[in-house]
Amino acid sequence: MGAGFVIRNNEGAVVYCGCWKIEVFFSPTLAEALCLKNVL
């Protein structure tokens, strides 16, 4: 499983982006929560 994100400013330009591989399998809800935790 993997996760990724893109942060854009108010003009739509990319400010920051990232991705990573998650070795353990989770439910989709838990995967989204882990992604948000890592982004913050």
C-alpha atoms as a PDB file:
ATOM      1  CA  MET A   1       0.000   0.000   0.000  1.00  0.00           C
ATOM      2  CA  GLY A   2       1.197   3.556  -0.537  1.00  0.00           C
ATOM      3  CA  ALA A   3       0.119   7.060   0.273  1.00  0.00           C
ATOM      4  CA  GLY A   4       0.730  10.420  -1.299  1.00  0.00           C
ATOM      5  CA  PHE A   5      -0.288  14.037  -1.023  1.00  0.00           C
ATOM      6  CA  VAL A   6      -0.046  17.377  -2.820  1.00  0.00           C
ATOM      7  CA  ILE A   7      -0.376  20.753  -1.085  1.00  0.00           C
ATOM      8  CA  ARG A   8      -1.278  23.684  -3.349  1.00  0.00           C
ATOM      9  CA  ASN A   9      -1.554  27.413  -2.699  1.00  0.00           C
ATOM     10  CA  ASN A  10      -4.585  29.549  -3.597  1.00  0.00           C
ATOM     11  CA  GLU A  11      -3.322  29.937  -7.186  1.00  0.00           C
ATOM     12  CA  GLY A  12      -3.067  26.175  -7.708  1.00  0.00           C
ATOM     13  CA  ALA A  13       0.749  26.018  -7.694  1.00  0.00           C
ATOM     14  CA  VAL A  14       2.314  23.034  -5.919  1.00  0.00           C
ATOM     15  CA  VAL A  15       3.827  24.074  -2.580  1.00  0.00           C
ATOM     16  CA  TYR A  16       4.795  20.635  -1.257  1.00  0.00           C
ATOM     17  CA  CYS A  17       4.208  17.003  -2.190  1.00  0.00           C
ATOM     18  CA  GLY A  18       5.288  13.620  -0.995  1.00  0.00           C
ATOM     19  CA  CYS A  19       4.642   9.903  -1.008  1.00  0.00           C
ATOM     20  CA  TRP A  20       5.728   6.830   0.861  1.00  0.00           C
ATOM     21  CA  LYS A  21       5.299   3.061   0.876  1.00  0.00           C
ATOM     22  CA  ILE A  22       3.385   1.469   3.741  1.00  0.00           C
ATOM     23  CA  GLU A  23       4.551  -2.096   4.410  1.00  0.00           C
ATOM     24  CA  VAL A  24       1.576  -3.231   6.512  1.00  0.00           C
ATOM     25  CA  PHE A  25      -1.941  -3.636   5.156  1.00  0.00           C
ATOM     26  CA  PHE A  26      -4.683  -1.613   6.838  1.00  0.00           C
ATOM     27  CA  SER A  27      -8.285  -0.762   6.168  1.00  0.00           C
ATOM     28  CA  PRO A  28      -8.768   2.215   3.794  1.00  0.00           C
ATOM     29  CA  THR A  29     -10.009   4.379   6.674  1.00  0.00           C
ATOM     30  CA  LEU A  30      -6.939   3.640   8.795  1.00  0.00           C
ATOM     31  CA  ALA A  31      -4.629   4.198   5.808  1.00  0.00           C
ATOM     32  CA  GLU A  32      -6.144   7.663   5.256  1.00  0.00           C
ATOM     33  CA  ALA A  33      -5.737   8.480   8.950  1.00  0.00           C
ATOM     34  CA  LEU A  34      -2.059   7.450   8.858  1.00  0.00           C
ATOM     35  CA  CYS A  35      -1.517   9.573   5.759  1.00  0.00           C
ATOM     36  CA  LEU A  36      -3.036  12.628   7.444  1.00  0.00           C
ATOM     37  CA  LYS A  37      -0.934  12.024  10.566  1.00  0.00           C
ATOM     38  CA  ASN A  38       2.270  11.918   8.519  1.00  0.00           C
ATOM     39  CA  VAL A  39       1.360  15.030   6.535  1.00  0.00           C
ATOM     40  CA  LEU A  40       0.634  17.074   9.652  1.00  0.00           C
END
